[in-house]
Structure formats: structure tokens, C-alpha cells
């Protein structure tokens, strides 16, 4: 079983996806989702089934073998935080 999600858009190098609440969540399969989408974007942000936006990122402490989750508050917040 795999997660079910849809690509909303790719903008400014960020893939925005929506978790479709399938048999496996995007959260539970985050590594596979991230590696799949890295072919089209440098970052991945997803809308979970609770309506929260979260970024999936490679964990720098494990040389990309695992992922970390970061709250995502929008493009303006993201730009100001860099």
C-alpha cells in the first residue's frame, strides 16, 4: 500500500501536494514522497488531512537517510525566514 496524494502545483522550486487520506498517509511514507518529488522540485510542502501545511525535508543529521517535518506558514513567512 502507498500513500495517495495529488500535486497541487510547483512554484518557486516548491512542490505543493495534498494528502488524500489513503490507506497510508504522506506522513507515514514521507521519505518515498520526498525522493519522488525531488525530481521536479527542491522542496516539498504538503497539506495534511487536518488542514495543516508541513514541509518534508531531508534530515541533515542522517545524510538524507531520514526526513524531518517543519511547520510551513506560507511563501511570505518562508521568504522572510531565509
PDB file of N, CA and C in Angstrom:
ATOM      1  N   UNK A   1       0.839  -1.178   0.000  1.00  0.00           N
ATOM      2  CA  UNK A   1       0.000   0.000   0.000  1.00  0.00           C
ATOM      3  C   UNK A   1       0.883   1.241   0.000  1.00  0.00           C
ATOM      4  N   UNK A   2       0.410   2.250  -0.692  1.00  0.00           N
ATOM      5  CA  UNK A   2       1.152   3.510  -0.804  1.00  0.00           C
ATOM      6  C   UNK A   2       0.241   4.674  -0.431  1.00  0.00           C
ATOM      7  N   UNK A   3       0.884   5.783  -0.106  1.00  0.00           N
ATOM      8  CA  UNK A   3       0.106   6.983   0.189  1.00  0.00           C
ATOM      9  C   UNK A   3      -0.554   7.485  -1.091  1.00  0.00           C
ATOM     10  N   UNK A   4      -1.633   8.176  -0.912  1.00  0.00           N
ATOM     11  CA  UNK A   4      -2.333   8.790  -2.040  1.00  0.00           C
ATOM     12  C   UNK A   4      -2.305  10.293  -1.836  1.00  0.00           C
ATOM     13  N   UNK A   5      -1.807  10.993  -2.837  1.00  0.00           N
ATOM     14  CA  UNK A   5      -1.713  12.440  -2.773  1.00  0.00           C
ATOM     15  C   UNK A   5      -1.834  12.998  -4.171  1.00  0.00           C
ATOM     16  N   UNK A   6      -2.088  14.297  -4.244  1.00  0.00           N
ATOM     17  CA  UNK A   6      -2.146  14.949  -5.555  1.00  0.00           C
ATOM     18  C   UNK A   6      -1.234  16.161  -5.541  1.00  0.00           C
ATOM     19  N   UNK A   7      -0.600  16.382  -6.679  1.00  0.00           N
ATOM     20  CA  UNK A   7       0.257  17.548  -6.855  1.00  0.00           C
ATOM     21  C   UNK A   7      -0.637  18.748  -7.126  1.00  0.00           C
ATOM     22  N   UNK A   8      -0.562  19.742  -6.268  1.00  0.00           N
ATOM     23  CA  UNK A   8      -1.358  20.961  -6.448  1.00  0.00           C
ATOM     24  C   UNK A   8      -0.659  21.880  -7.441  1.00  0.00           C
ATOM     25  N   UNK A   9       0.632  22.160  -7.185  1.00  0.00           N
ATOM     26  CA  UNK A   9       1.422  22.978  -8.091  1.00  0.00           C
ATOM     27  C   UNK A   9       2.891  22.919  -7.688  1.00  0.00           C
ATOM     28  N   UNK A  10       3.736  23.354  -8.598  1.00  0.00           N
ATOM     29  CA  UNK A  10       5.144  23.566  -8.306  1.00  0.00           C
ATOM     30  C   UNK A  10       5.397  25.047  -8.529  1.00  0.00           C
ATOM     31  N   UNK A  11       5.858  25.720  -7.480  1.00  0.00           N
ATOM     32  CA  UNK A  11       6.058  27.168  -7.556  1.00  0.00           C
ATOM     33  C   UNK A  11       7.314  27.527  -6.776  1.00  0.00           C
ATOM     34  N   UNK A  12       8.188  28.306  -7.401  1.00  0.00           N
ATOM     35  CA  UNK A  12       9.433  28.743  -6.755  1.00  0.00           C
ATOM     36  C   UNK A  12      10.249  27.562  -6.225  1.00  0.00           C
ATOM     37  N   UNK A  13      10.245  26.460  -6.949  1.00  0.00           N
ATOM     38  CA  UNK A  13      11.025  25.294  -6.551  1.00  0.00           C
ATOM     39  C   UNK A  13      10.408  24.453  -5.459  1.00  0.00           C
ATOM     40  N   UNK A  14       9.154  24.750  -5.106  1.00  0.00           N
ATOM     41  CA  UNK A  14       8.465  24.007  -4.045  1.00  0.00           C
ATOM     42  C   UNK A  14       7.309  23.226  -4.657  1.00  0.00           C
ATOM     43  N   UNK A  15       7.274  21.914  -4.387  1.00  0.00           N
ATOM     44  CA  UNK A  15       6.140  21.091  -4.805  1.00  0.00           C
ATOM     45  C   UNK A  15       5.103  21.121  -3.684  1.00  0.00           C
ATOM     46  N   UNK A  16       3.911  21.562  -4.007  1.00  0.00           N
ATOM     47  CA  UNK A  16       2.810  21.581  -3.052  1.00  0.00           C
ATOM     48  C   UNK A  16       1.906  20.397  -3.352  1.00  0.00           C
ATOM     49  N   UNK A  17       1.701  19.546  -2.345  1.00  0.00           N
ATOM     50  CA  UNK A  17       0.849  18.381  -2.545  1.00  0.00           C
ATOM     51  C   UNK A  17      -0.222  18.331  -1.461  1.00  0.00           C
ATOM     52  N   UNK A  18      -1.265  17.558  -1.731  1.00  0.00           N
ATOM     53  CA  UNK A  18      -2.338  17.350  -0.769  1.00  0.00           C
ATOM     54  C   UNK A  18      -2.434  15.868  -0.455  1.00  0.00           C
ATOM     55  N   UNK A  19      -2.409  15.541   0.826  1.00  0.00           N
ATOM     56  CA  UNK A  19      -2.599  14.161   1.274  1.00  0.00           C
ATOM     57  C   UNK A  19      -4.070  13.807   1.077  1.00  0.00           C
ATOM     58  N   UNK A  20      -4.344  12.747   0.336  1.00  0.00           N
ATOM     59  CA  UNK A  20      -5.720  12.356   0.045  1.00  0.00           C
ATOM     60  C   UNK A  20      -6.274  11.343   1.039  1.00  0.00           C
ATOM     61  N   UNK A  21      -5.578  11.163   2.157  1.00  0.00           N
ATOM     62  CA  UNK A  21      -6.049  10.312   3.249  1.00  0.00           C
ATOM     63  C   UNK A  21      -6.293   8.877   2.786  1.00  0.00           C
ATOM     64  N   UNK A  22      -5.306   8.353   2.065  1.00  0.00           N
ATOM     65  CA  UNK A  22      -5.396   6.976   1.577  1.00  0.00           C
ATOM     66  C   UNK A  22      -5.092   5.975   2.676  1.00  0.00           C
ATOM     67  N   UNK A  23      -4.836   4.747   2.297  1.00  0.00           N
ATOM     68  CA  UNK A  23      -4.562   3.714   3.303  1.00  0.00           C
ATOM     69  C   UNK A  23      -3.266   3.991   4.072  1.00  0.00           C
ATOM     70  N   UNK A  24      -2.347   4.739   3.477  1.00  0.00           N
ATOM     71  CA  UNK A  24      -1.105   5.154   4.119  1.00  0.00           C
ATOM     72  C   UNK A  24      -1.011   6.666   3.955  1.00  0.00           C
ATOM     73  N   UNK A  25      -0.667   7.378   5.023  1.00  0.00           N
ATOM     74  CA  UNK A  25      -0.588   8.835   4.931  1.00  0.00           C
ATOM     75  C   UNK A  25       0.750   9.274   4.337  1.00  0.00           C
ATOM     76  N   UNK A  26       0.787  10.499   3.855  1.00  0.00           N
ATOM     77  CA  UNK A  26       2.038  11.076   3.372  1.00  0.00           C
ATOM     78  C   UNK A  26       3.049  11.108   4.520  1.00  0.00           C
ATOM     79  N   UNK A  27       2.592  11.416   5.717  1.00  0.00           N
ATOM     80  CA  UNK A  27       3.473  11.440   6.888  1.00  0.00           C
ATOM     81  C   UNK A  27       4.167  10.099   7.080  1.00  0.00           C
ATOM     82  N   UNK A  28       3.434   9.020   6.933  1.00  0.00           N
ATOM     83  CA  UNK A  28       3.998   7.685   7.159  1.00  0.00           C
ATOM     84  C   UNK A  28       4.882   7.211   6.019  1.00  0.00           C
ATOM     85  N   UNK A  29       4.815   7.866   4.899  1.00  0.00           N
ATOM     86  CA  UNK A  29       5.621   7.470   3.745  1.00  0.00           C
ATOM     87  C   UNK A  29       6.425   8.668   3.226  1.00  0.00           C
ATOM     88  N   UNK A  30       6.801   9.541   4.130  1.00  0.00           N
ATOM     89  CA  UNK A  30       7.425  10.817   3.762  1.00  0.00           C
ATOM     90  C   UNK A  30       8.715  10.655   2.972  1.00  0.00           C
ATOM     91  N   UNK A  31       9.547   9.683   3.319  1.00  0.00           N
ATOM     92  CA  UNK A  31      10.813   9.511   2.597  1.00  0.00           C
ATOM     93  C   UNK A  31      10.567   9.233   1.121  1.00  0.00           C
ATOM     94  N   UNK A  32       9.663   8.299   0.830  1.00  0.00           N
ATOM     95  CA  UNK A  32       9.372   7.957  -0.561  1.00  0.00           C
ATOM     96  C   UNK A  32       8.763   9.138  -1.305  1.00  0.00           C
ATOM     97  N   UNK A  33       7.847   9.848  -0.667  1.00  0.00           N
ATOM     98  CA  UNK A  33       7.208  11.011  -1.298  1.00  0.00           C
ATOM     99  C   UNK A  33       8.255  12.084  -1.602  1.00  0.00           C
ATOM    100  N   UNK A  34       9.124  12.363  -0.632  1.00  0.00           N
ATOM    101  CA  UNK A  34      10.161  13.369  -0.840  1.00  0.00           C
ATOM    102  C   UNK A  34      11.070  12.998  -2.001  1.00  0.00           C
ATOM    103  N   UNK A  35      11.585  11.774  -2.019  1.00  0.00           N
ATOM    104  CA  UNK A  35      12.523  11.373  -3.083  1.00  0.00           C
ATOM    105  C   UNK A  35      11.833  11.381  -4.441  1.00  0.00           C
ATOM    106  N   UNK A  36      10.565  11.028  -4.485  1.00  0.00           N
ATOM    107  CA  UNK A  36       9.818  11.045  -5.747  1.00  0.00           C
ATOM    108  C   UNK A  36       9.699  12.476  -6.291  1.00  0.00           C
ATOM    109  N   UNK A  37       9.385  13.414  -5.418  1.00  0.00           N
ATOM    110  CA  UNK A  37       9.144  14.788  -5.857  1.00  0.00           C
ATOM    111  C   UNK A  37      10.409  15.610  -6.041  1.00  0.00           C
ATOM    112  N   UNK A  38      11.522  15.153  -5.495  1.00  0.00           N
ATOM    113  CA  UNK A  38      12.775  15.901  -5.662  1.00  0.00           C
ATOM    114  C   UNK A  38      13.207  15.954  -7.137  1.00  0.00           C
ATOM    115  N   UNK A  39      12.626  15.117  -7.970  1.00  0.00           N
ATOM    116  CA  UNK A  39      12.927  15.163  -9.405  1.00  0.00           C
ATOM    117  C   UNK A  39      12.347  16.422 -10.057  1.00  0.00           C
ATOM    118  N   UNK A  40      11.321  17.018  -9.432  1.00  0.00           N
ATOM    119  CA  UNK A  40      10.680  18.192 -10.038  1.00  0.00           C
ATOM    120  C   UNK A  40      10.776  19.450  -9.179  1.00  0.00           C
ATOM    121  N   UNK A  41      11.206  19.315  -7.924  1.00  0.00           N
ATOM    122  CA  UNK A  41      11.276  20.478  -7.031  1.00  0.00           C
ATOM    123  C   UNK A  41      12.356  20.255  -5.978  1.00  0.00           C
ATOM    124  N   UNK A  42      12.868  21.342  -5.446  1.00  0.00           N
ATOM    125  CA  UNK A  42      13.912  21.211  -4.426  1.00  0.00           C
ATOM    126  C   UNK A  42      13.339  21.100  -3.014  1.00  0.00           C
ATOM    127  N   UNK A  43      12.051  21.422  -2.874  1.00  0.00           N
ATOM    128  CA  UNK A  43      11.386  21.329  -1.569  1.00  0.00           C
ATOM    129  C   UNK A  43       9.994  20.751  -1.751  1.00  0.00           C
ATOM    130  N   UNK A  44       9.461  20.161  -0.675  1.00  0.00           N
ATOM    131  CA  UNK A  44       8.122  19.569  -0.704  1.00  0.00           C
ATOM    132  C   UNK A  44       7.335  20.057   0.505  1.00  0.00           C
ATOM    133  N   UNK A  45       6.138  20.590   0.243  1.00  0.00           N
ATOM    134  CA  UNK A  45       5.224  21.034   1.287  1.00  0.00           C
ATOM    135  C   UNK A  45       3.902  20.331   1.044  1.00  0.00           C
ATOM    136  N   UNK A  46       3.314  19.790   2.120  1.00  0.00           N
ATOM    137  CA  UNK A  46       2.048  19.091   1.923  1.00  0.00           C
ATOM    138  C   UNK A  46       0.969  19.548   2.884  1.00  0.00           C
ATOM    139  N   UNK A  47      -0.257  19.455   2.404  1.00  0.00           N
ATOM    140  CA  UNK A  47      -1.443  19.748   3.198  1.00  0.00           C
ATOM    141  C   UNK A  47      -1.928  18.427   3.752  1.00  0.00           C
ATOM    142  N   UNK A  48      -1.902  18.298   5.086  1.00  0.00           N
ATOM    143  CA  UNK A  48      -2.307  17.019   5.668  1.00  0.00           C
ATOM    144  C   UNK A  48      -3.821  16.945   5.829  1.00  0.00           C
ATOM    145  N   UNK A  49      -4.287  15.839   6.322  1.00  0.00           N
ATOM    146  CA  UNK A  49      -5.735  15.619   6.435  1.00  0.00           C
ATOM    147  C   UNK A  49      -6.368  16.482   7.524  1.00  0.00           C
ATOM    148  N   UNK A  50      -5.547  17.144   8.351  1.00  0.00           N
ATOM    149  CA  UNK A  50      -6.063  18.048   9.380  1.00  0.00           C
ATOM    150  C   UNK A  50      -6.052  19.499   8.916  1.00  0.00           C
ATOM    151  N   UNK A  51      -5.623  19.745   7.664  1.00  0.00           N
ATOM    152  CA  UNK A  51      -5.589  21.097   7.127  1.00  0.00           C
ATOM    153  C   UNK A  51      -4.340  21.876   7.478  1.00  0.00           C
ATOM    154  N   UNK A  52      -3.305  21.194   7.957  1.00  0.00           N
ATOM    155  CA  UNK A  52      -2.038  21.837   8.316  1.00  0.00           C
ATOM    156  C   UNK A  52      -1.036  21.693   7.178  1.00  0.00           C
ATOM    157  N   UNK A  53      -0.287  22.767   6.892  1.00  0.00           N
ATOM    158  CA  UNK A  53       0.776  22.728   5.889  1.00  0.00           C
ATOM    159  C   UNK A  53       2.088  22.381   6.582  1.00  0.00           C
ATOM    160  N   UNK A  54       2.813  21.422   6.036  1.00  0.00           N
ATOM    161  CA  UNK A  54       4.064  20.955   6.622  1.00  0.00           C
ATOM    162  C   UNK A  54       5.082  20.724   5.516  1.00  0.00           C
ATOM    163  N   UNK A  55       6.335  21.106   5.790  1.00  0.00           N
ATOM    164  CA  UNK A  55       7.413  20.830   4.843  1.00  0.00           C
ATOM    165  C   UNK A  55       8.079  19.521   5.222  1.00  0.00           C
ATOM    166  N   UNK A  56       8.364  18.705   4.221  1.00  0.00           N
ATOM    167  CA  UNK A  56       9.145  17.490   4.400  1.00  0.00           C
ATOM    168  C   UNK A  56      10.550  17.816   3.906  1.00  0.00           C
ATOM    169  N   UNK A  57      11.545  17.600   4.743  1.00  0.00           N
ATOM    170  CA  UNK A  57      12.930  17.912   4.361  1.00  0.00           C
ATOM    171  C   UNK A  57      13.844  16.763   4.760  1.00  0.00           C
ATOM    172  N   UNK A  58      14.930  16.621   4.020  1.00  0.00           N
ATOM    173  CA  UNK A  58      15.929  15.615   4.370  1.00  0.00           C
ATOM    174  C   UNK A  58      16.566  16.007   5.699  1.00  0.00           C
ATOM    175  N   UNK A  59      16.765  15.050   6.559  1.00  0.00           N
ATOM    176  CA  UNK A  59      17.379  15.290   7.860  1.00  0.00           C
ATOM    177  C   UNK A  59      18.888  15.431   7.678  1.00  0.00           C
ATOM    178  N   UNK A  60      19.436  16.617   7.931  1.00  0.00           N
ATOM    179  CA  UNK A  60      20.876  16.813   7.705  1.00  0.00           C
ATOM    180  C   UNK A  60      21.741  15.961   8.628  1.00  0.00           C
ATOM    181  N   UNK A  61      21.213  15.517   9.750  1.00  0.00           N
ATOM    182  CA  UNK A  61      21.983  14.707  10.698  1.00  0.00           C
ATOM    183  C   UNK A  61      22.164  13.262  10.243  1.00  0.00           C
ATOM    184  N   UNK A  62      21.404  12.842   9.253  1.00  0.00           N
ATOM    185  CA  UNK A  62      21.492  11.447   8.801  1.00  0.00           C
ATOM    186  C   UNK A  62      21.890  11.350   7.334  1.00  0.00           C
ATOM    187  N   UNK A  63      22.522  12.370   6.793  1.00  0.00           N
ATOM    188  CA  UNK A  63      22.939  12.413   5.392  1.00  0.00           C
ATOM    189  C   UNK A  63      21.782  12.069   4.444  1.00  0.00           C
ATOM    190  N   UNK A  64      20.586  12.554   4.767  1.00  0.00           N
ATOM    191  CA  UNK A  64      19.445  12.372   3.884  1.00  0.00           C
ATOM    192  C   UNK A  64      18.775  11.016   3.958  1.00  0.00           C
ATOM    193  N   UNK A  65      19.123  10.192   4.944  1.00  0.00           N
ATOM    194  CA  UNK A  65      18.525   8.858   5.040  1.00  0.00           C
ATOM    195  C   UNK A  65      17.135   8.899   5.663  1.00  0.00           C
ATOM    196  N   UNK A  66      16.840   9.947   6.431  1.00  0.00           N
ATOM    197  CA  UNK A  66      15.519  10.114   7.034  1.00  0.00           C
ATOM    198  C   UNK A  66      15.048  11.537   6.756  1.00  0.00           C
ATOM    199  N   UNK A  67      13.821  11.811   7.127  1.00  0.00           N
ATOM    200  CA  UNK A  67      13.265  13.145   6.905  1.00  0.00           C
ATOM    201  C   UNK A  67      12.891  13.791   8.226  1.00  0.00           C
ATOM    202  N   UNK A  68      12.723  15.101   8.170  1.00  0.00           N
ATOM    203  CA  UNK A  68      12.188  15.859   9.284  1.00  0.00           C
ATOM    204  C   UNK A  68      10.979  16.630   8.777  1.00  0.00           C
ATOM    205  N   UNK A  69      10.122  17.018   9.691  1.00  0.00           N
ATOM    206  CA  UNK A  69       8.918  17.765   9.358  1.00  0.00           C
ATOM    207  C   UNK A  69       9.011  19.141  10.003  1.00  0.00           C
ATOM    208  N   UNK A  70       8.708  20.174   9.189  1.00  0.00           N
ATOM    209  CA  UNK A  70       8.751  21.543   9.686  1.00  0.00           C
ATOM    210  C   UNK A  70       7.427  22.221   9.367  1.00  0.00           C
ATOM    211  N   UNK A  71       6.840  22.932  10.338  1.00  0.00           N
ATOM    212  CA  UNK A  71       5.622  23.692  10.028  1.00  0.00           C
ATOM    213  C   UNK A  71       5.909  24.674   8.901  1.00  0.00           C
ATOM    214  N   UNK A  72       4.943  24.863   8.033  1.00  0.00           N
ATOM    215  CA  UNK A  72       5.111  25.780   6.909  1.00  0.00           C
ATOM    216  C   UNK A  72       3.993  26.804   6.971  1.00  0.00           C
ATOM    217  N   UNK A  73       4.379  28.090   7.019  1.00  0.00           N
ATOM    218  CA  UNK A  73       3.410  29.156   7.255  1.00  0.00           C
ATOM    219  C   UNK A  73       3.145  30.026   6.034  1.00  0.00           C
ATOM    220  N   UNK A  74       3.620  29.622   4.874  1.00  0.00           N
ATOM    221  CA  UNK A  74       3.338  30.370   3.661  1.00  0.00           C
ATOM    222  C   UNK A  74       4.575  30.976   3.024  1.00  0.00           C
ATOM    223  N   UNK A  75       4.400  31.427   1.787  1.00  0.00           N
ATOM    224  CA  UNK A  75       5.516  31.937   0.997  1.00  0.00           C
ATOM    225  C   UNK A  75       6.151  33.188   1.624  1.00  0.00           C
ATOM    226  N   UNK A  76       5.349  34.104   2.135  1.00  0.00           N
ATOM    227  CA  UNK A  76       5.899  35.331   2.713  1.00  0.00           C
ATOM    228  C   UNK A  76       6.722  34.993   3.951  1.00  0.00           C
ATOM    229  N   UNK A  77       6.167  34.209   4.837  1.00  0.00           N
ATOM    230  CA  UNK A  77       6.880  33.792   6.049  1.00  0.00           C
ATOM    231  C   UNK A  77       8.157  33.057   5.678  1.00  0.00           C
ATOM    232  N   UNK A  78       8.063  32.181   4.684  1.00  0.00           N
ATOM    233  CA  UNK A  78       9.210  31.410   4.225  1.00  0.00           C
ATOM    234  C   UNK A  78      10.313  32.320   3.697  1.00  0.00           C
ATOM    235  N   UNK A  79       9.943  33.320   2.909  1.00  0.00           N
ATOM    236  CA  UNK A  79      10.910  34.252   2.332  1.00  0.00           C
ATOM    237  C   UNK A  79      11.568  35.101   3.417  1.00  0.00           C
ATOM    238  N   UNK A  80      10.788  35.569   4.358  1.00  0.00           N
ATOM    239  CA  UNK A  80      11.342  36.406   5.437  1.00  0.00           C
ATOM    240  C   UNK A  80      12.257  35.612   6.357  1.00  0.00           C
ATOM    241  N   UNK A  81      12.006  34.310   6.490  1.00  0.00           N
ATOM    242  CA  UNK A  81      12.804  33.477   7.369  1.00  0.00           C
ATOM    243  C   UNK A  81      14.137  33.037   6.784  1.00  0.00           C
ATOM    244  N   UNK A  82      14.383  33.306   5.534  1.00  0.00           N
ATOM    245  CA  UNK A  82      15.638  32.859   4.897  1.00  0.00           C
ATOM    246  C   UNK A  82      16.693  33.922   4.949  1.00  0.00           C
TER     247      UNK A  82
END
